Amino acid sequence: PLDLQNVNKPVSPWCQCTKCTCIDTQPEIKCIMAPNIALRRVKKDLATITKEELPGIYVAPQDDDLFKVHALIIGPSGTPYQGGFFHFVVRHGPQYPLHPPKVKLMTTGGDTVRFNPNLYKTGKVCLSILGTWEGPAWSPASNLSSVLISVQSLMNEKPYHNEPGFEKERRPGDSDRYNAIIEHETIRIAVIQNLNGVPSVPDELRKVMVQKFLENYDHYVSICETNIFKDQQQMEDPFGPGEGRGKFQYKSLLSKLSVLKTKIEEGVSIFESPSIANSSDTKSAMTSSSADSSSTTSGIADNTSTNNTNSENTDSKT
């Protein structure tokens, strides 16, 4: 039922609730304790990820705010995301783990590229565990590991089918056409643009990106060379023109990949701007999984080079 007494009451700066009496007064004990409990849980979650060494998942907390955690998910092998660097920001509230964290995808090409029916170009991550879609809800037993594993699972072999109602192709070949777009944009945005220096990525995660770039370099080149005949062809998004897809740019991508590799091998800094999200303790904050496969696959590669719209064409979630 609606709490009429508190409907216009300001939110507590301590616990973000409207039912306690700590507005403009001394905070209640429960409101002082909530952030401390949340902080301990975040630290425990970070330690768990480090111990588990989740394949393809790396984390680094913000050095001045442990409630803000940067996560790097390496695109899994055998998918159109393979070898891509997907940067997420996870924000934990003072009521964590009673309430889920908020997760935002930062790798969007400046709000221009939608990488998945569940990963919007605005950065929204659509998952029931986060309360952003219907389905199994968040539980206090869930943790940062379960959140990131759920996000990683979205990056599968056939992401086209993540869209509700698209369990079957609307047109023959739609799934392959979508994979081609994602494969191209993964190299263009999630690899090349990220390595050119996105300032929101912490230095610790940048080091991982450089290492994984070299491991996956042959895969990137193979994708570009296999699909070079598509260069300058218009991408055809099966979800419609509203996604603002551009043209394939495989020749340009090959050139940029070569330049990046040469700079790295010569010890030249490839990042155009310093990180504004450095973390203080790399060893305790970051996983060191070596389980990311760097095997080369030759998939179809139709992906977009330019995206000029910020609107979501489809409302897709899982």
C-alpha atoms as a PDB file:
ATOM      1  CA  PRO A   1       0.000   0.000   0.000  1.00  0.00           C
ATOM      2  CA  LEU A   2       1.078   3.582  -0.649  1.00  0.00           C
ATOM      3  CA  ASP A   3       2.752   5.196   2.356  1.00  0.00           C
ATOM      4  CA  LEU A   4       0.986   8.559   2.326  1.00  0.00           C
ATOM      5  CA  GLN A   5       2.952   9.846   5.308  1.00  0.00           C
ATOM      6  CA  ASN A   6       6.239   9.481   3.463  1.00  0.00           C
ATOM      7  CA  VAL A   7       5.184  10.199  -0.096  1.00  0.00           C
ATOM      8  CA  ASN A   8       6.649  13.716  -0.028  1.00  0.00           C
ATOM      9  CA  LYS A   9       9.390  13.028   2.487  1.00  0.00           C
ATOM     10  CA  PRO A  10      12.952  13.730   1.274  1.00  0.00           C
ATOM     11  CA  VAL A  11      15.309  10.832   0.784  1.00  0.00           C
ATOM     12  CA  SER A  12      17.748  10.101   3.584  1.00  0.00           C
ATOM     13  CA  PRO A  13      21.334  10.958   2.640  1.00  0.00           C
ATOM     14  CA  TRP A  14      22.457   8.019   4.755  1.00  0.00           C
ATOM     15  CA  CYS A  15      20.484   5.090   3.448  1.00  0.00           C
ATOM     16  CA  GLN A  16      18.423   6.495   0.555  1.00  0.00           C
ATOM     17  CA  CYS A  17      15.186   5.477   2.240  1.00  0.00           C
ATOM     18  CA  THR A  18      12.149   7.545   3.216  1.00  0.00           C
ATOM     19  CA  LYS A  19      10.968   5.577   6.225  1.00  0.00           C
ATOM     20  CA  CYS A  20      13.633   6.328   8.815  1.00  0.00           C
ATOM     21  CA  THR A  21      13.944   9.440  10.959  1.00  0.00           C
ATOM     22  CA  CYS A  22      17.442  10.489   9.966  1.00  0.00           C
ATOM     23  CA  ILE A  23      16.410  13.380   7.733  1.00  0.00           C
ATOM     24  CA  ASP A  24      17.967  16.540   9.182  1.00  0.00           C
ATOM     25  CA  THR A  25      18.669  14.659  12.422  1.00  0.00           C
ATOM     26  CA  GLN A  26      21.126  12.120  13.725  1.00  0.00           C
ATOM     27  CA  PRO A  27      20.999   8.988  11.550  1.00  0.00           C
ATOM     28  CA  GLU A  28      19.490   5.827  12.894  1.00  0.00           C
ATOM     29  CA  ILE A  29      21.867   2.987  13.736  1.00  0.00           C
ATOM     30  CA  LYS A  30      20.553   0.871  10.859  1.00  0.00           C
ATOM     31  CA  CYS A  31      21.334   3.695   8.439  1.00  0.00           C
ATOM     32  CA  ILE A  32      24.901   4.028   9.686  1.00  0.00           C
ATOM     33  CA  MET A  33      25.437   0.288   9.526  1.00  0.00           C
ATOM     34  CA  ALA A  34      23.987  -0.261   6.033  1.00  0.00           C
ATOM     35  CA  PRO A  35      26.881   1.315   4.068  1.00  0.00           C
ATOM     36  CA  ASN A  36      29.415  -0.520   6.248  1.00  0.00           C
ATOM     37  CA  ILE A  37      27.706  -3.841   5.594  1.00  0.00           C
ATOM     38  CA  ALA A  38      27.563  -3.060   1.886  1.00  0.00           C
ATOM     39  CA  LEU A  39      31.250  -2.143   1.794  1.00  0.00           C
ATOM     40  CA  ARG A  40      32.268  -5.364   3.511  1.00  0.00           C
ATOM     41  CA  ARG A  41      30.192  -7.322   1.025  1.00  0.00           C
ATOM     42  CA  VAL A  42      31.761  -5.533  -1.959  1.00  0.00           C
ATOM     43  CA  LYS A  43      35.237  -6.334  -0.623  1.00  0.00           C
ATOM     44  CA  LYS A  44      34.208  -9.960  -0.184  1.00  0.00           C
ATOM     45  CA  ASP A  45      32.867 -10.075  -3.751  1.00  0.00           C
ATOM     46  CA  LEU A  46      36.123  -8.680  -5.127  1.00  0.00           C
ATOM     47  CA  ALA A  47      38.140 -11.228  -3.166  1.00  0.00           C
ATOM     48  CA  THR A  48      35.887 -14.009  -4.454  1.00  0.00           C
ATOM     49  CA  ILE A  49      36.403 -12.995  -8.083  1.00  0.00           C
ATOM     50  CA  THR A  50      40.160 -12.854  -7.571  1.00  0.00           C
ATOM     51  CA  LYS A  51      40.150 -16.319  -6.004  1.00  0.00           C
ATOM     52  CA  GLU A  52      37.852 -17.873  -8.609  1.00  0.00           C
ATOM     53  CA  GLU A  53      39.749 -16.400 -11.585  1.00  0.00           C
ATOM     54  CA  LEU A  54      36.677 -16.263 -13.797  1.00  0.00           C
ATOM     55  CA  PRO A  55      37.704 -16.827 -17.433  1.00  0.00           C
ATOM     56  CA  GLY A  56      37.597 -13.610 -19.416  1.00  0.00           C
ATOM     57  CA  ILE A  57      36.470 -11.432 -16.498  1.00  0.00           C
ATOM     58  CA  TYR A  58      38.674  -8.821 -14.816  1.00  0.00           C
ATOM     59  CA  VAL A  59      37.742  -6.223 -12.210  1.00  0.00           C
ATOM     60  CA  ALA A  60      39.331  -3.150 -10.665  1.00  0.00           C
ATOM     61  CA  PRO A  61      37.631  -0.951  -8.042  1.00  0.00           C
ATOM     62  CA  GLN A  62      37.782   2.816  -8.287  1.00  0.00           C
ATOM     63  CA  ASP A  63      40.654   3.871  -6.045  1.00  0.00           C
ATOM     64  CA  ASP A  64      38.624   6.541  -4.254  1.00  0.00           C
ATOM     65  CA  ASP A  65      35.297   4.688  -4.190  1.00  0.00           C
ATOM     66  CA  LEU A  66      35.074   0.925  -3.621  1.00  0.00           C
ATOM     67  CA  PHE A  67      31.352   1.043  -4.331  1.00  0.00           C
ATOM     68  CA  LYS A  68      32.283   1.714  -7.966  1.00  0.00           C
ATOM     69  CA  VAL A  69      33.879  -1.261  -9.695  1.00  0.00           C
ATOM     70  CA  HIS A  70      35.222  -1.357 -13.245  1.00  0.00           C
ATOM     71  CA  ALA A  71      34.802  -4.677 -15.032  1.00  0.00           C
ATOM     72  CA  LEU A  72      36.396  -5.849 -18.258  1.00  0.00           C
ATOM     73  CA  ILE A  73      34.810  -8.777 -20.071  1.00  0.00           C
ATOM     74  CA  ILE A  74      36.795 -10.315 -22.916  1.00  0.00           C
ATOM     75  CA  GLY A  75      34.515 -11.505 -25.710  1.00  0.00           C
ATOM     76  CA  PRO A  76      34.333 -15.331 -25.542  1.00  0.00           C
ATOM     77  CA  SER A  77      35.905 -17.520 -28.216  1.00  0.00           C
ATOM     78  CA  GLY A  78      33.607 -18.876 -30.896  1.00  0.00           C
ATOM     79  CA  THR A  79      31.299 -15.858 -30.729  1.00  0.00           C
ATOM     80  CA  PRO A  80      31.156 -12.635 -32.777  1.00  0.00           C
ATOM     81  CA  TYR A  81      32.483 -10.902 -29.646  1.00  0.00           C
ATOM     82  CA  GLN A  82      35.720 -12.906 -29.570  1.00  0.00           C
ATOM     83  CA  GLY A  83      38.679 -10.883 -28.366  1.00  0.00           C
ATOM     84  CA  GLY A  84      36.644  -7.722 -27.788  1.00  0.00           C
ATOM     85  CA  PHE A  85      37.186  -5.567 -24.693  1.00  0.00           C
ATOM     86  CA  PHE A  86      33.872  -4.694 -23.081  1.00  0.00           C
ATOM     87  CA  HIS A  87      34.146  -2.229 -20.225  1.00  0.00           C
ATOM     88  CA  PHE A  88      31.368  -2.065 -17.629  1.00  0.00           C
ATOM     89  CA  VAL A  89      30.921   0.118 -14.554  1.00  0.00           C
ATOM     90  CA  VAL A  90      29.204  -1.536 -11.592  1.00  0.00           C
ATOM     91  CA  ARG A  91      27.824   0.754  -8.881  1.00  0.00           C
ATOM     92  CA  HIS A  92      26.806  -0.696  -5.534  1.00  0.00           C
ATOM     93  CA  GLY A  93      24.337   1.196  -3.387  1.00  0.00           C
ATOM     94  CA  PRO A  94      24.356   1.442   0.424  1.00  0.00           C
ATOM     95  CA  GLN A  95      21.643  -1.237   0.588  1.00  0.00           C
ATOM     96  CA  TYR A  96      23.753  -3.822  -1.269  1.00  0.00           C
ATOM     97  CA  PRO A  97      23.321  -6.825  -1.276  1.00  0.00           C
ATOM     98  CA  LEU A  98      19.643  -6.419  -0.412  1.00  0.00           C
ATOM     99  CA  HIS A  99      19.317  -4.575  -3.707  1.00  0.00           C
ATOM    100  CA  PRO A 100      21.205  -5.325  -6.935  1.00  0.00           C
ATOM    101  CA  PRO A 101      24.001  -3.106  -8.210  1.00  0.00           C
ATOM    102  CA  LYS A 102      23.549  -0.883 -11.240  1.00  0.00           C
ATOM    103  CA  VAL A 103      25.552  -1.940 -14.284  1.00  0.00           C
ATOM    104  CA  LYS A 104      26.362   0.178 -17.321  1.00  0.00           C
ATOM    105  CA  LEU A 105      28.195  -0.792 -20.496  1.00  0.00           C
ATOM    106  CA  MET A 106      30.756   1.886 -21.350  1.00  0.00           C
ATOM    107  CA  THR A 107      31.860   0.333 -24.655  1.00  0.00           C
ATOM    108  CA  THR A 108      29.270   1.819 -26.987  1.00  0.00           C
ATOM    109  CA  GLY A 109      31.268   4.010 -29.359  1.00  0.00           C
ATOM    110  CA  GLY A 110      29.898   7.104 -27.663  1.00  0.00           C
ATOM    111  CA  ASP A 111      26.309   5.855 -27.416  1.00  0.00           C
ATOM    112  CA  THR A 112      26.246   4.863 -31.087  1.00  0.00           C
ATOM    113  CA  VAL A 113      26.624   1.067 -31.190  1.00  0.00           C
ATOM    114  CA  ARG A 114      24.264  -1.528 -29.806  1.00  0.00           C
ATOM    115  CA  PHE A 115      26.193  -4.757 -29.304  1.00  0.00           C
ATOM    116  CA  ASN A 116      23.348  -7.028 -28.275  1.00  0.00           C
ATOM    117  CA  PRO A 117      19.567  -7.012 -27.886  1.00  0.00           C
ATOM    118  CA  ASN A 118      20.307  -6.843 -24.141  1.00  0.00           C
ATOM    119  CA  LEU A 119      23.145  -4.301 -24.337  1.00  0.00           C
ATOM    120  CA  TYR A 120      21.785  -0.942 -25.430  1.00  0.00           C
ATOM    121  CA  LYS A 121      23.796   1.807 -27.086  1.00  0.00           C
ATOM    122  CA  THR A 122      22.950   3.983 -24.066  1.00  0.00           C
ATOM    123  CA  GLY A 123      24.829   1.505 -21.876  1.00  0.00           C
ATOM    124  CA  LYS A 124      21.742  -0.092 -20.359  1.00  0.00           C
ATOM    125  CA  VAL A 125      22.193  -3.759 -19.475  1.00  0.00           C
ATOM    126  CA  CYS A 126      18.911  -5.632 -19.636  1.00  0.00           C
ATOM    127  CA  LEU A 127      18.886  -8.589 -17.235  1.00  0.00           C
ATOM    128  CA  SER A 128      16.299  -9.857 -14.794  1.00  0.00           C
ATOM    129  CA  ILE A 129      18.945 -10.297 -12.091  1.00  0.00           C
ATOM    130  CA  LEU A 130      19.501  -6.524 -12.247  1.00  0.00           C
ATOM    131  CA  GLY A 131      15.792  -5.761 -12.147  1.00  0.00           C
ATOM    132  CA  THR A 132      15.829  -4.367 -15.681  1.00  0.00           C
ATOM    133  CA  TRP A 133      13.719  -7.147 -17.197  1.00  0.00           C
ATOM    134  CA  GLU A 134      11.273  -9.802 -16.087  1.00  0.00           C
ATOM    135  CA  GLY A 135      12.481 -13.187 -14.946  1.00  0.00           C
ATOM    136  CA  PRO A 136      14.503 -14.562 -12.019  1.00  0.00           C
ATOM    137  CA  ALA A 137      15.033 -11.654  -9.664  1.00  0.00           C
ATOM    138  CA  TRP A 138      17.999 -10.523  -7.619  1.00  0.00           C
ATOM    139  CA  SER A 139      18.702 -12.341  -4.380  1.00  0.00           C
ATOM    140  CA  PRO A 140      21.048 -11.254  -1.566  1.00  0.00           C
ATOM    141  CA  ALA A 141      22.832 -14.547  -2.216  1.00  0.00           C
ATOM    142  CA  SER A 142      23.826 -13.192  -5.632  1.00  0.00           C
ATOM    143  CA  ASN A 143      27.120 -11.374  -5.928  1.00  0.00           C
ATOM    144  CA  LEU A 144      29.386  -9.525  -8.331  1.00  0.00           C
ATOM    145  CA  SER A 145      30.575 -12.794  -9.860  1.00  0.00           C
ATOM    146  CA  SER A 146      27.052 -13.935 -10.688  1.00  0.00           C
ATOM    147  CA  VAL A 147      26.253 -10.545 -12.215  1.00  0.00           C
ATOM    148  CA  LEU A 148      29.293 -10.532 -14.493  1.00  0.00           C
ATOM    149  CA  ILE A 149      28.842 -14.175 -15.494  1.00  0.00           C
ATOM    150  CA  SER A 150      25.242 -13.380 -16.445  1.00  0.00           C
ATOM    151  CA  VAL A 151      26.400 -10.418 -18.528  1.00  0.00           C
ATOM    152  CA  GLN A 152      29.102 -12.523 -20.172  1.00  0.00           C
ATOM    153  CA  SER A 153      26.501 -15.166 -21.079  1.00  0.00           C
ATOM    154  CA  LEU A 154      24.752 -12.599 -23.278  1.00  0.00           C
ATOM    155  CA  MET A 155      27.800 -12.675 -25.559  1.00  0.00           C
ATOM    156  CA  ASN A 156      26.943 -16.012 -27.107  1.00  0.00           C
ATOM    157  CA  GLU A 157      27.267 -17.585 -30.554  1.00  0.00           C
ATOM    158  CA  LYS A 158      23.864 -16.367 -31.779  1.00  0.00           C
ATOM    159  CA  PRO A 159      22.981 -13.096 -29.988  1.00  0.00           C
ATOM    160  CA  TYR A 160      20.219 -12.399 -32.526  1.00  0.00           C
ATOM    161  CA  HIS A 161      18.069 -14.906 -30.659  1.00  0.00           C
ATOM    162  CA  ASN A 162      18.424 -12.977 -27.374  1.00  0.00           C
ATOM    163  CA  GLU A 163      15.654 -10.718 -28.643  1.00  0.00           C
ATOM    164  CA  PRO A 164      12.263 -11.876 -27.315  1.00  0.00           C
ATOM    165  CA  GLY A 165      10.126 -13.173 -30.142  1.00  0.00           C
ATOM    166  CA  PHE A 166      13.145 -13.869 -32.339  1.00  0.00           C
ATOM    167  CA  GLU A 167      13.742 -17.449 -31.271  1.00  0.00           C
ATOM    168  CA  LYS A 168      13.349 -18.215 -34.974  1.00  0.00           C
ATOM    169  CA  GLU A 169      14.715 -16.079 -37.778  1.00  0.00           C
ATOM    170  CA  ARG A 170      12.254 -13.696 -39.375  1.00  0.00           C
ATOM    171  CA  ARG A 171      14.221 -14.040 -42.609  1.00  0.00           C
ATOM    172  CA  PRO A 172      16.695 -16.769 -43.545  1.00  0.00           C
ATOM    173  CA  GLY A 173      20.219 -15.609 -42.737  1.00  0.00           C
ATOM    174  CA  ASP A 174      19.226 -12.872 -40.260  1.00  0.00           C
ATOM    175  CA  SER A 175      21.292 -14.388 -37.463  1.00  0.00           C
ATOM    176  CA  ASP A 176      24.401 -14.502 -39.656  1.00  0.00           C
ATOM    177  CA  ARG A 177      23.813 -10.939 -40.830  1.00  0.00           C
ATOM    178  CA  TYR A 178      23.581  -9.783 -37.224  1.00  0.00           C
ATOM    179  CA  ASN A 179      26.722 -11.706 -36.262  1.00  0.00           C
ATOM    180  CA  ALA A 180      28.567 -10.053 -39.127  1.00  0.00           C
ATOM    181  CA  ILE A 181      27.693  -6.611 -37.788  1.00  0.00           C
ATOM    182  CA  ILE A 182      28.676  -7.464 -34.232  1.00  0.00           C
ATOM    183  CA  GLU A 183      31.949  -9.043 -35.362  1.00  0.00           C
ATOM    184  CA  HIS A 184      32.959  -5.918 -37.282  1.00  0.00           C
ATOM    185  CA  GLU A 185      31.926  -3.525 -34.515  1.00  0.00           C
ATOM    186  CA  THR A 186      33.722  -5.610 -31.919  1.00  0.00           C
ATOM    187  CA  ILE A 187      36.999  -5.028 -33.752  1.00  0.00           C
ATOM    188  CA  ARG A 188      36.243  -1.388 -34.573  1.00  0.00           C
ATOM    189  CA  ILE A 189      34.913  -0.245 -31.204  1.00  0.00           C
ATOM    190  CA  ALA A 190      35.642  -2.866 -28.534  1.00  0.00           C
ATOM    191  CA  VAL A 191      39.223  -3.407 -29.713  1.00  0.00           C
ATOM    192  CA  ILE A 192      40.639  -0.498 -31.718  1.00  0.00           C
ATOM    193  CA  GLN A 193      38.733   2.376 -30.119  1.00  0.00           C
ATOM    194  CA  ASN A 194      39.302   1.054 -26.600  1.00  0.00           C
ATOM    195  CA  LEU A 195      43.024   0.619 -27.230  1.00  0.00           C
ATOM    196  CA  ASN A 196      43.251   4.129 -28.635  1.00  0.00           C
ATOM    197  CA  GLY A 197      42.622   5.390 -25.146  1.00  0.00           C
ATOM    198  CA  VAL A 198      39.192   5.503 -23.545  1.00  0.00           C
ATOM    199  CA  PRO A 199      39.948   7.509 -20.369  1.00  0.00           C
ATOM    200  CA  SER A 200      37.364   5.735 -18.214  1.00  0.00           C
ATOM    201  CA  VAL A 201      39.261   2.421 -18.342  1.00  0.00           C
ATOM    202  CA  PRO A 202      41.653   1.965 -15.367  1.00  0.00           C
ATOM    203  CA  ASP A 203      45.336   1.406 -16.107  1.00  0.00           C
ATOM    204  CA  GLU A 204      45.190  -2.133 -14.691  1.00  0.00           C
ATOM    205  CA  LEU A 205      42.531  -3.122 -17.195  1.00  0.00           C
ATOM    206  CA  ARG A 206      44.382  -1.357 -20.006  1.00  0.00           C
ATOM    207  CA  LYS A 207      47.337  -3.663 -19.365  1.00  0.00           C
ATOM    208  CA  VAL A 208      45.047  -6.675 -19.714  1.00  0.00           C
ATOM    209  CA  MET A 209      43.696  -5.267 -22.973  1.00  0.00           C
ATOM    210  CA  VAL A 210      47.187  -4.899 -24.444  1.00  0.00           C
ATOM    211  CA  GLN A 211      48.091  -8.467 -23.492  1.00  0.00           C
ATOM    212  CA  LYS A 212      44.873  -9.904 -24.915  1.00  0.00           C
ATOM    213  CA  PHE A 213      45.201  -7.791 -28.062  1.00  0.00           C
ATOM    214  CA  LEU A 214      48.484  -9.488 -28.903  1.00  0.00           C
ATOM    215  CA  GLU A 215      47.023 -12.915 -28.124  1.00  0.00           C
ATOM    216  CA  ASN A 216      44.012 -12.302 -30.373  1.00  0.00           C
ATOM    217  CA  TYR A 217      45.763 -10.308 -33.100  1.00  0.00           C
ATOM    218  CA  ASP A 218      45.773 -13.150 -35.634  1.00  0.00           C
ATOM    219  CA  HIS A 219      42.045 -13.617 -35.064  1.00  0.00           C
ATOM    220  CA  TYR A 220      41.316  -9.938 -35.754  1.00  0.00           C
ATOM    221  CA  VAL A 221      43.375 -10.024 -38.951  1.00  0.00           C
ATOM    222  CA  SER A 222      41.734 -13.256 -40.091  1.00  0.00           C
ATOM    223  CA  ILE A 223      38.261 -11.756 -39.694  1.00  0.00           C
ATOM    224  CA  CYS A 224      39.225  -8.651 -41.656  1.00  0.00           C
ATOM    225  CA  GLU A 225      40.964 -10.536 -44.455  1.00  0.00           C
ATOM    226  CA  THR A 226      38.136 -13.059 -44.786  1.00  0.00           C
ATOM    227  CA  ASN A 227      35.599 -10.265 -45.180  1.00  0.00           C
ATOM    228  CA  ILE A 228      37.643  -7.717 -47.104  1.00  0.00           C
ATOM    229  CA  PHE A 229      35.286  -8.148 -50.076  1.00  0.00           C
ATOM    230  CA  LYS A 230      32.537  -6.496 -48.004  1.00  0.00           C
ATOM    231  CA  ASP A 231      34.520  -3.294 -47.578  1.00  0.00           C
ATOM    232  CA  GLN A 232      32.303  -0.218 -48.066  1.00  0.00           C
ATOM    233  CA  GLN A 233      29.165  -2.339 -48.334  1.00  0.00           C
ATOM    234  CA  GLN A 234      26.199  -1.138 -46.294  1.00  0.00           C
ATOM    235  CA  MET A 235      25.452  -3.153 -43.184  1.00  0.00           C
ATOM    236  CA  GLU A 236      22.008  -4.684 -43.054  1.00  0.00           C
ATOM    237  CA  ASP A 237      20.691  -4.909 -39.506  1.00  0.00           C
ATOM    238  CA  PRO A 238      17.869  -7.478 -39.243  1.00  0.00           C
ATOM    239  CA  PHE A 239      16.279  -5.365 -36.499  1.00  0.00           C
ATOM    240  CA  GLY A 240      15.773  -2.483 -38.895  1.00  0.00           C
ATOM    241  CA  PRO A 241      17.410   0.782 -40.023  1.00  0.00           C
ATOM    242  CA  GLY A 242      16.753   2.453 -36.673  1.00  0.00           C
ATOM    243  CA  GLU A 243      20.037   1.085 -35.346  1.00  0.00           C
ATOM    244  CA  GLY A 244      21.878   3.473 -37.665  1.00  0.00           C
ATOM    245  CA  ARG A 245      24.420   0.977 -38.950  1.00  0.00           C
ATOM    246  CA  GLY A 246      27.035   2.223 -41.375  1.00  0.00           C
ATOM    247  CA  LYS A 247      29.369   0.541 -43.851  1.00  0.00           C
ATOM    248  CA  PHE A 248      31.983  -2.146 -43.405  1.00  0.00           C
ATOM    249  CA  GLN A 249      35.503  -0.735 -43.142  1.00  0.00           C
ATOM    250  CA  TYR A 250      37.714  -3.799 -43.196  1.00  0.00           C
ATOM    251  CA  LYS A 251      40.605  -2.190 -45.098  1.00  0.00           C
ATOM    252  CA  SER A 252      40.741   0.624 -42.573  1.00  0.00           C
ATOM    253  CA  LEU A 253      40.507  -1.807 -39.652  1.00  0.00           C
ATOM    254  CA  LEU A 254      43.421  -3.867 -40.994  1.00  0.00           C
ATOM    255  CA  SER A 255      45.572  -0.752 -41.219  1.00  0.00           C
ATOM    256  CA  LYS A 256      44.676   0.397 -37.706  1.00  0.00           C
ATOM    257  CA  LEU A 257      45.318  -3.052 -36.244  1.00  0.00           C
ATOM    258  CA  SER A 258      48.769  -3.115 -37.828  1.00  0.00           C
ATOM    259  CA  VAL A 259      49.614   0.337 -36.444  1.00  0.00           C
ATOM    260  CA  LEU A 260      48.535  -0.686 -32.940  1.00  0.00           C
ATOM    261  CA  LYS A 261      50.595  -3.870 -33.028  1.00  0.00           C
ATOM    262  CA  THR A 262      53.690  -2.018 -34.248  1.00  0.00           C
ATOM    263  CA  LYS A 263      53.392   0.590 -31.495  1.00  0.00           C
ATOM    264  CA  ILE A 264      52.995  -2.062 -28.807  1.00  0.00           C
ATOM    265  CA  GLU A 265      55.980  -4.059 -30.048  1.00  0.00           C
ATOM    266  CA  GLU A 266      58.099  -0.898 -30.184  1.00  0.00           C
ATOM    267  CA  GLY A 267      57.080   0.070 -26.664  1.00  0.00           C
ATOM    268  CA  VAL A 268      55.214   3.178 -27.784  1.00  0.00           C
ATOM    269  CA  SER A 269      52.178   4.172 -25.727  1.00  0.00           C
ATOM    270  CA  ILE A 270      48.996   3.491 -27.683  1.00  0.00           C
ATOM    271  CA  PHE A 271      46.655   5.325 -25.332  1.00  0.00           C
ATOM    272  CA  GLU A 272      45.837   8.843 -26.448  1.00  0.00           C
ATOM    273  CA  SER A 273      44.672  10.005 -23.017  1.00  0.00           C
ATOM    274  CA  PRO A 274      45.552   9.085 -19.420  1.00  0.00           C
ATOM    275  CA  SER A 275      43.143   7.011 -17.395  1.00  0.00           C
ATOM    276  CA  ILE A 276      40.838   8.923 -15.075  1.00  0.00           C
ATOM    277  CA  ALA A 277      39.799   5.751 -13.278  1.00  0.00           C
ATOM    278  CA  ASN A 278      43.025   4.395 -11.805  1.00  0.00           C
ATOM    279  CA  SER A 279      42.722   1.905  -8.976  1.00  0.00           C
ATOM    280  CA  SER A 280      45.091   1.634  -6.074  1.00  0.00           C
ATOM    281  CA  ASP A 281      45.676  -2.089  -5.701  1.00  0.00           C
ATOM    282  CA  THR A 282      46.038  -4.033  -8.908  1.00  0.00           C
ATOM    283  CA  LYS A 283      46.906  -7.386  -7.395  1.00  0.00           C
ATOM    284  CA  SER A 284      44.013  -7.562  -4.976  1.00  0.00           C
ATOM    285  CA  ALA A 285      41.475  -6.028  -7.324  1.00  0.00           C
ATOM    286  CA  MET A 286      42.029  -7.806 -10.590  1.00  0.00           C
ATOM    287  CA  THR A 287      41.613 -11.363 -11.693  1.00  0.00           C
ATOM    288  CA  SER A 288      44.431 -12.960 -13.596  1.00  0.00           C
ATOM    289  CA  SER A 289      42.687 -15.624 -15.571  1.00  0.00           C
ATOM    290  CA  SER A 290      44.675 -17.158 -18.356  1.00  0.00           C
ATOM    291  CA  ALA A 291      41.746 -19.173 -19.640  1.00  0.00           C
ATOM    292  CA  ASP A 292      40.771 -16.794 -22.460  1.00  0.00           C
ATOM    293  CA  SER A 293      41.126 -18.693 -25.680  1.00  0.00           C
ATOM    294  CA  SER A 294      42.857 -16.853 -28.488  1.00  0.00           C
ATOM    295  CA  SER A 295      42.159 -19.424 -31.173  1.00  0.00           C
ATOM    296  CA  THR A 296      41.397 -18.027 -34.603  1.00  0.00           C
ATOM    297  CA  THR A 297      37.951 -18.460 -36.072  1.00  0.00           C
ATOM    298  CA  SER A 298      36.777 -17.303 -39.458  1.00  0.00           C
ATOM    299  CA  GLY A 299      33.242 -16.068 -39.025  1.00  0.00           C
ATOM    300  CA  ILE A 300      31.044 -13.955 -41.200  1.00  0.00           C
ATOM    301  CA  ALA A 301      31.830 -10.290 -40.668  1.00  0.00           C
ATOM    302  CA  ASP A 302      29.245  -7.699 -41.630  1.00  0.00           C
ATOM    303  CA  ASN A 303      29.543  -4.974 -39.092  1.00  0.00           C
ATOM    304  CA  THR A 304      28.858  -1.343 -38.855  1.00  0.00           C
ATOM    305  CA  SER A 305      31.299   1.467 -39.142  1.00  0.00           C
ATOM    306  CA  THR A 306      29.135   4.444 -38.312  1.00  0.00           C
ATOM    307  CA  ASN A 307      26.143   4.768 -36.043  1.00  0.00           C
ATOM    308  CA  ASN A 308      24.392   8.106 -35.781  1.00  0.00           C
ATOM    309  CA  THR A 309      21.295   7.399 -33.734  1.00  0.00           C
ATOM    310  CA  ASN A 310      20.887   7.170 -29.969  1.00  0.00           C
ATOM    311  CA  SER A 311      17.429   5.627 -29.899  1.00  0.00           C
ATOM    312  CA  GLU A 312      16.784   1.969 -29.206  1.00  0.00           C
ATOM    313  CA  ASN A 313      15.010   0.432 -32.173  1.00  0.00           C
ATOM    314  CA  THR A 314      13.930  -2.657 -30.305  1.00  0.00           C
ATOM    315  CA  ASP A 315      13.154  -3.196 -26.645  1.00  0.00           C
ATOM    316  CA  SER A 316      14.997  -6.435 -26.089  1.00  0.00           C
ATOM    317  CA  LYS A 317      15.940  -8.160 -22.911  1.00  0.00           C
ATOM    318  CA  THR A 318      16.493 -11.476 -21.295  1.00  0.00           C
END
